[in-house]
Amino acid sequence: METLKKEAIDAISKLPESADADDIMYRIYVIDKIKKGQEAVKEGKVISVESLKEEMKSW
């Protein structure tokens, strides 16, 4: 498994030279959220589509 640091460096290196600090921070933020989502799935911390649809009715 690739470390977060290596993933961040790789993602940043793929950004255009015109990228600003917000672009870099957003890219790292997305990587972090994806990793946390993958961990949640591995730990079974998910809900079914049906449960989500029911929850959305109250929005």
PDB file of N, CA and C in Angstrom:
ATOM      1  N   MET A   1       0.847  -1.183   0.000  1.00  0.00           N
ATOM      2  CA  MET A   1       0.000   0.000   0.000  1.00  0.00           C
ATOM      3  C   MET A   1       0.893   1.247   0.000  1.00  0.00           C
ATOM      4  N   GLU A   2       0.540   2.152  -0.852  1.00  0.00           N
ATOM      5  CA  GLU A   2       1.311   3.386  -0.975  1.00  0.00           C
ATOM      6  C   GLU A   2       1.015   4.314   0.202  1.00  0.00           C
ATOM      7  N   THR A   3       2.037   4.987   0.702  1.00  0.00           N
ATOM      8  CA  THR A   3       1.827   5.895   1.829  1.00  0.00           C
ATOM      9  C   THR A   3       1.111   7.157   1.355  1.00  0.00           C
ATOM     10  N   LEU A   4       0.459   7.805   2.293  1.00  0.00           N
ATOM     11  CA  LEU A   4      -0.245   9.040   1.977  1.00  0.00           C
ATOM     12  C   LEU A   4       0.719  10.075   1.405  1.00  0.00           C
ATOM     13  N   LYS A   5       1.906  10.134   1.965  1.00  0.00           N
ATOM     14  CA  LYS A   5       2.893  11.102   1.490  1.00  0.00           C
ATOM     15  C   LYS A   5       3.230  10.848   0.020  1.00  0.00           C
ATOM     16  N   LYS A   6       3.467   9.592  -0.336  1.00  0.00           N
ATOM     17  CA  LYS A   6       3.788   9.265  -1.729  1.00  0.00           C
ATOM     18  C   LYS A   6       2.614   9.568  -2.652  1.00  0.00           C
ATOM     19  N   GLU A   7       1.403   9.245  -2.199  1.00  0.00           N
ATOM     20  CA  GLU A   7       0.215   9.541  -3.007  1.00  0.00           C
ATOM     21  C   GLU A   7       0.061  11.042  -3.213  1.00  0.00           C
ATOM     22  N   ALA A   8       0.297  11.812  -2.158  1.00  0.00           N
ATOM     23  CA  ALA A   8       0.174  13.266  -2.253  1.00  0.00           C
ATOM     24  C   ALA A   8       1.206  13.833  -3.221  1.00  0.00           C
ATOM     25  N   ILE A   9       2.440  13.373  -3.105  1.00  0.00           N
ATOM     26  CA  ILE A   9       3.498  13.844  -3.999  1.00  0.00           C
ATOM     27  C   ILE A   9       3.155  13.502  -5.445  1.00  0.00           C
ATOM     28  N   ASP A  10       2.676  12.284  -5.675  1.00  0.00           N
ATOM     29  CA  ASP A  10       2.298  11.870  -7.024  1.00  0.00           C
ATOM     30  C   ASP A  10       1.152  12.733  -7.557  1.00  0.00           C
ATOM     31  N   ALA A  11       0.133  12.961  -6.728  1.00  0.00           N
ATOM     32  CA  ALA A  11      -1.014  13.762  -7.154  1.00  0.00           C
ATOM     33  C   ALA A  11      -0.595  15.203  -7.451  1.00  0.00           C
ATOM     34  N   ILE A  12       0.243  15.761  -6.600  1.00  0.00           N
ATOM     35  CA  ILE A  12       0.703  17.140  -6.798  1.00  0.00           C
ATOM     36  C   ILE A  12       1.549  17.244  -8.059  1.00  0.00           C
ATOM     37  N   SER A  13       2.368  16.254  -8.303  1.00  0.00           N
ATOM     38  CA  SER A  13       3.226  16.304  -9.496  1.00  0.00           C
ATOM     39  C   SER A  13       2.421  16.262 -10.790  1.00  0.00           C
ATOM     40  N   LYS A  14       1.196  15.738 -10.727  1.00  0.00           N
ATOM     41  CA  LYS A  14       0.346  15.663 -11.914  1.00  0.00           C
ATOM     42  C   LYS A  14      -0.458  16.942 -12.150  1.00  0.00           C
ATOM     43  N   LEU A  15      -0.450  17.841 -11.173  1.00  0.00           N
ATOM     44  CA  LEU A  15      -1.172  19.099 -11.341  1.00  0.00           C
ATOM     45  C   LEU A  15      -0.418  20.001 -12.320  1.00  0.00           C
ATOM     46  N   PRO A  16      -1.148  20.884 -12.985  1.00  0.00           N
ATOM     47  CA  PRO A  16      -0.457  21.813 -13.889  1.00  0.00           C
ATOM     48  C   PRO A  16       0.415  22.793 -13.103  1.00  0.00           C
ATOM     49  N   GLU A  17       1.399  23.353 -13.769  1.00  0.00           N
ATOM     50  CA  GLU A  17       2.302  24.313 -13.114  1.00  0.00           C
ATOM     51  C   GLU A  17       1.544  25.524 -12.573  1.00  0.00           C
ATOM     52  N   SER A  18       0.390  25.809 -13.134  1.00  0.00           N
ATOM     53  CA  SER A  18      -0.402  26.955 -12.696  1.00  0.00           C
ATOM     54  C   SER A  18      -1.226  26.669 -11.440  1.00  0.00           C
ATOM     55  N   ALA A  19      -1.150  25.448 -10.902  1.00  0.00           N
ATOM     56  CA  ALA A  19      -1.927  25.092  -9.714  1.00  0.00           C
ATOM     57  C   ALA A  19      -1.528  25.972  -8.537  1.00  0.00           C
ATOM     58  N   ASP A  20      -2.532  26.365  -7.766  1.00  0.00           N
ATOM     59  CA  ASP A  20      -2.247  27.176  -6.585  1.00  0.00           C
ATOM     60  C   ASP A  20      -2.411  26.329  -5.323  1.00  0.00           C
ATOM     61  N   ALA A  21      -2.220  26.944  -4.169  1.00  0.00           N
ATOM     62  CA  ALA A  21      -2.280  26.219  -2.898  1.00  0.00           C
ATOM     63  C   ALA A  21      -3.645  25.570  -2.689  1.00  0.00           C
ATOM     64  N   ASP A  22      -4.718  26.245  -3.102  1.00  0.00           N
ATOM     65  CA  ASP A  22      -6.054  25.663  -2.959  1.00  0.00           C
ATOM     66  C   ASP A  22      -6.192  24.384  -3.777  1.00  0.00           C
ATOM     67  N   ASP A  23      -5.652  24.370  -4.983  1.00  0.00           N
ATOM     68  CA  ASP A  23      -5.693  23.172  -5.824  1.00  0.00           C
ATOM     69  C   ASP A  23      -4.962  22.015  -5.144  1.00  0.00           C
ATOM     70  N   ILE A  24      -3.809  22.308  -4.586  1.00  0.00           N
ATOM     71  CA  ILE A  24      -3.006  21.287  -3.923  1.00  0.00           C
ATOM     72  C   ILE A  24      -3.728  20.758  -2.684  1.00  0.00           C
ATOM     73  N   MET A  25      -4.263  21.650  -1.867  1.00  0.00           N
ATOM     74  CA  MET A  25      -4.964  21.237  -0.658  1.00  0.00           C
ATOM     75  C   MET A  25      -6.208  20.426  -0.989  1.00  0.00           C
ATOM     76  N   TYR A  26      -6.918  20.823  -2.042  1.00  0.00           N
ATOM     77  CA  TYR A  26      -8.121  20.088  -2.436  1.00  0.00           C
ATOM     78  C   TYR A  26      -7.753  18.684  -2.885  1.00  0.00           C
ATOM     79  N   ARG A  27      -6.692  18.544  -3.651  1.00  0.00           N
ATOM     80  CA  ARG A  27      -6.275  17.229  -4.139  1.00  0.00           C
ATOM     81  C   ARG A  27      -5.923  16.319  -2.955  1.00  0.00           C
ATOM     82  N   ILE A  28      -5.216  16.849  -1.976  1.00  0.00           N
ATOM     83  CA  ILE A  28      -4.862  16.053  -0.796  1.00  0.00           C
ATOM     84  C   ILE A  28      -6.109  15.713   0.015  1.00  0.00           C
ATOM     85  N   TYR A  29      -7.036  16.655   0.119  1.00  0.00           N
ATOM     86  CA  TYR A  29      -8.301  16.432   0.820  1.00  0.00           C
ATOM     87  C   TYR A  29      -9.068  15.269   0.188  1.00  0.00           C
ATOM     88  N   VAL A  30      -9.152  15.260  -1.134  1.00  0.00           N
ATOM     89  CA  VAL A  30      -9.875  14.196  -1.838  1.00  0.00           C
ATOM     90  C   VAL A  30      -9.206  12.843  -1.600  1.00  0.00           C
ATOM     91  N   ILE A  31      -7.892  12.799  -1.679  1.00  0.00           N
ATOM     92  CA  ILE A  31      -7.167  11.550  -1.419  1.00  0.00           C
ATOM     93  C   ILE A  31      -7.487  11.049  -0.013  1.00  0.00           C
ATOM     94  N   ASP A  32      -7.487  11.943   0.962  1.00  0.00           N
ATOM     95  CA  ASP A  32      -7.777  11.576   2.348  1.00  0.00           C
ATOM     96  C   ASP A  32      -9.189  11.020   2.482  1.00  0.00           C
ATOM     97  N   LYS A  33     -10.162  11.665   1.864  1.00  0.00           N
ATOM     98  CA  LYS A  33     -11.550  11.218   1.966  1.00  0.00           C
ATOM     99  C   LYS A  33     -11.749   9.860   1.303  1.00  0.00           C
ATOM    100  N   ILE A  34     -11.083   9.628   0.181  1.00  0.00           N
ATOM    101  CA  ILE A  34     -11.176   8.330  -0.489  1.00  0.00           C
ATOM    102  C   ILE A  34     -10.592   7.242   0.407  1.00  0.00           C
ATOM    103  N   LYS A  35      -9.431   7.511   1.007  1.00  0.00           N
ATOM    104  CA  LYS A  35      -8.800   6.530   1.897  1.00  0.00           C
ATOM    105  C   LYS A  35      -9.711   6.213   3.090  1.00  0.00           C
ATOM    106  N   LYS A  36     -10.309   7.242   3.674  1.00  0.00           N
ATOM    107  CA  LYS A  36     -11.202   7.022   4.812  1.00  0.00           C
ATOM    108  C   LYS A  36     -12.438   6.230   4.397  1.00  0.00           C
ATOM    109  N   GLY A  37     -12.941   6.490   3.204  1.00  0.00           N
ATOM    110  CA  GLY A  37     -14.077   5.722   2.698  1.00  0.00           C
ATOM    111  C   GLY A  37     -13.718   4.267   2.487  1.00  0.00           C
ATOM    112  N   GLN A  38     -12.554   4.011   1.941  1.00  0.00           N
ATOM    113  CA  GLN A  38     -12.102   2.641   1.736  1.00  0.00           C
ATOM    114  C   GLN A  38     -11.940   1.914   3.068  1.00  0.00           C
ATOM    115  N   GLU A  39     -11.419   2.601   4.069  1.00  0.00           N
ATOM    116  CA  GLU A  39     -11.265   2.004   5.396  1.00  0.00           C
ATOM    117  C   GLU A  39     -12.630   1.692   6.004  1.00  0.00           C
ATOM    118  N   ALA A  40     -13.594   2.585   5.827  1.00  0.00           N
ATOM    119  CA  ALA A  40     -14.940   2.366   6.355  1.00  0.00           C
ATOM    120  C   ALA A  40     -15.570   1.125   5.716  1.00  0.00           C
ATOM    121  N   VAL A  41     -15.372   0.960   4.423  1.00  0.00           N
ATOM    122  CA  VAL A  41     -15.906  -0.216   3.742  1.00  0.00           C
ATOM    123  C   VAL A  41     -15.268  -1.486   4.309  1.00  0.00           C
ATOM    124  N   LYS A  42     -13.949  -1.470   4.476  1.00  0.00           N
ATOM    125  CA  LYS A  42     -13.253  -2.642   5.026  1.00  0.00           C
ATOM    126  C   LYS A  42     -13.757  -2.998   6.414  1.00  0.00           C
ATOM    127  N   GLU A  43     -14.124  -1.962   7.197  1.00  0.00           N
ATOM    128  CA  GLU A  43     -14.592  -2.176   8.565  1.00  0.00           C
ATOM    129  C   GLU A  43     -16.090  -2.427   8.631  1.00  0.00           C
ATOM    130  N   GLY A  44     -16.748  -2.431   7.490  1.00  0.00           N
ATOM    131  CA  GLY A  44     -18.187  -2.691   7.453  1.00  0.00           C
ATOM    132  C   GLY A  44     -19.038  -1.522   7.906  1.00  0.00           C
ATOM    133  N   LYS A  45     -18.463  -0.346   7.937  1.00  0.00           N
ATOM    134  CA  LYS A  45     -19.186   0.850   8.373  1.00  0.00           C
ATOM    135  C   LYS A  45     -19.891   1.493   7.182  1.00  0.00           C
ATOM    136  N   VAL A  46     -20.860   0.772   6.647  1.00  0.00           N
ATOM    137  CA  VAL A  46     -21.601   1.241   5.483  1.00  0.00           C
ATOM    138  C   VAL A  46     -23.084   1.030   5.723  1.00  0.00           C
ATOM    139  N   ILE A  47     -23.913   1.687   4.918  1.00  0.00           N
ATOM    140  CA  ILE A  47     -25.348   1.463   4.981  1.00  0.00           C
ATOM    141  C   ILE A  47     -25.832   1.072   3.593  1.00  0.00           C
ATOM    142  N   SER A  48     -26.972   0.428   3.543  1.00  0.00           N
ATOM    143  CA  SER A  48     -27.505  -0.018   2.266  1.00  0.00           C
ATOM    144  C   SER A  48     -28.111   1.166   1.506  1.00  0.00           C
ATOM    145  N   VAL A  49     -28.287   0.971   0.218  1.00  0.00           N
ATOM    146  CA  VAL A  49     -28.908   2.000  -0.614  1.00  0.00           C
ATOM    147  C   VAL A  49     -30.333   2.254  -0.129  1.00  0.00           C
ATOM    148  N   GLU A  50     -31.019   1.200   0.243  1.00  0.00           N
ATOM    149  CA  GLU A  50     -32.396   1.338   0.721  1.00  0.00           C
ATOM    150  C   GLU A  50     -32.458   2.196   1.987  1.00  0.00           C
ATOM    151  N   SER A  51     -31.519   1.959   2.902  1.00  0.00           N
ATOM    152  CA  SER A  51     -31.469   2.761   4.136  1.00  0.00           C
ATOM    153  C   SER A  51     -31.183   4.222   3.829  1.00  0.00           C
ATOM    154  N   LEU A  52     -30.307   4.459   2.889  1.00  0.00           N
ATOM    155  CA  LEU A  52     -29.984   5.823   2.503  1.00  0.00           C
ATOM    156  C   LEU A  52     -31.195   6.520   1.887  1.00  0.00           C
ATOM    157  N   LYS A  53     -31.928   5.809   1.037  1.00  0.00           N
ATOM    158  CA  LYS A  53     -33.133   6.389   0.423  1.00  0.00           C
ATOM    159  C   LYS A  53     -34.151   6.767   1.486  1.00  0.00           C
ATOM    160  N   GLU A  54     -34.317   5.912   2.485  1.00  0.00           N
ATOM    161  CA  GLU A  54     -35.249   6.210   3.571  1.00  0.00           C
ATOM    162  C   GLU A  54     -34.798   7.443   4.355  1.00  0.00           C
ATOM    163  N   GLU A  55     -33.510   7.519   4.624  1.00  0.00           N
ATOM    164  CA  GLU A  55     -32.975   8.661   5.357  1.00  0.00           C
ATOM    165  C   GLU A  55     -33.157   9.952   4.557  1.00  0.00           C
ATOM    166  N   MET A  56     -32.967   9.870   3.255  1.00  0.00           N
ATOM    167  CA  MET A  56     -33.088  11.059   2.405  1.00  0.00           C
ATOM    168  C   MET A  56     -34.508  11.603   2.355  1.00  0.00           C
ATOM    169  N   LYS A  57     -35.496  10.784   2.590  1.00  0.00           N
ATOM    170  CA  LYS A  57     -36.893  11.241   2.574  1.00  0.00           C
ATOM    171  C   LYS A  57     -37.135  12.298   3.654  1.00  0.00           C
ATOM    172  N   SER A  58     -36.342  12.252   4.718  1.00  0.00           N
ATOM    173  CA  SER A  58     -36.530  13.217   5.802  1.00  0.00           C
ATOM    174  C   SER A  58     -35.799  14.540   5.563  1.00  0.00           C
ATOM    175  N   TRP A  59     -35.048  14.622   4.489  1.00  0.00           N
ATOM    176  CA  TRP A  59     -34.313  15.841   4.212  1.00  0.00           C
ATOM    177  C   TRP A  59     -35.228  16.866   3.691  1.00  0.00           C
TER     178      TRP A  59
END
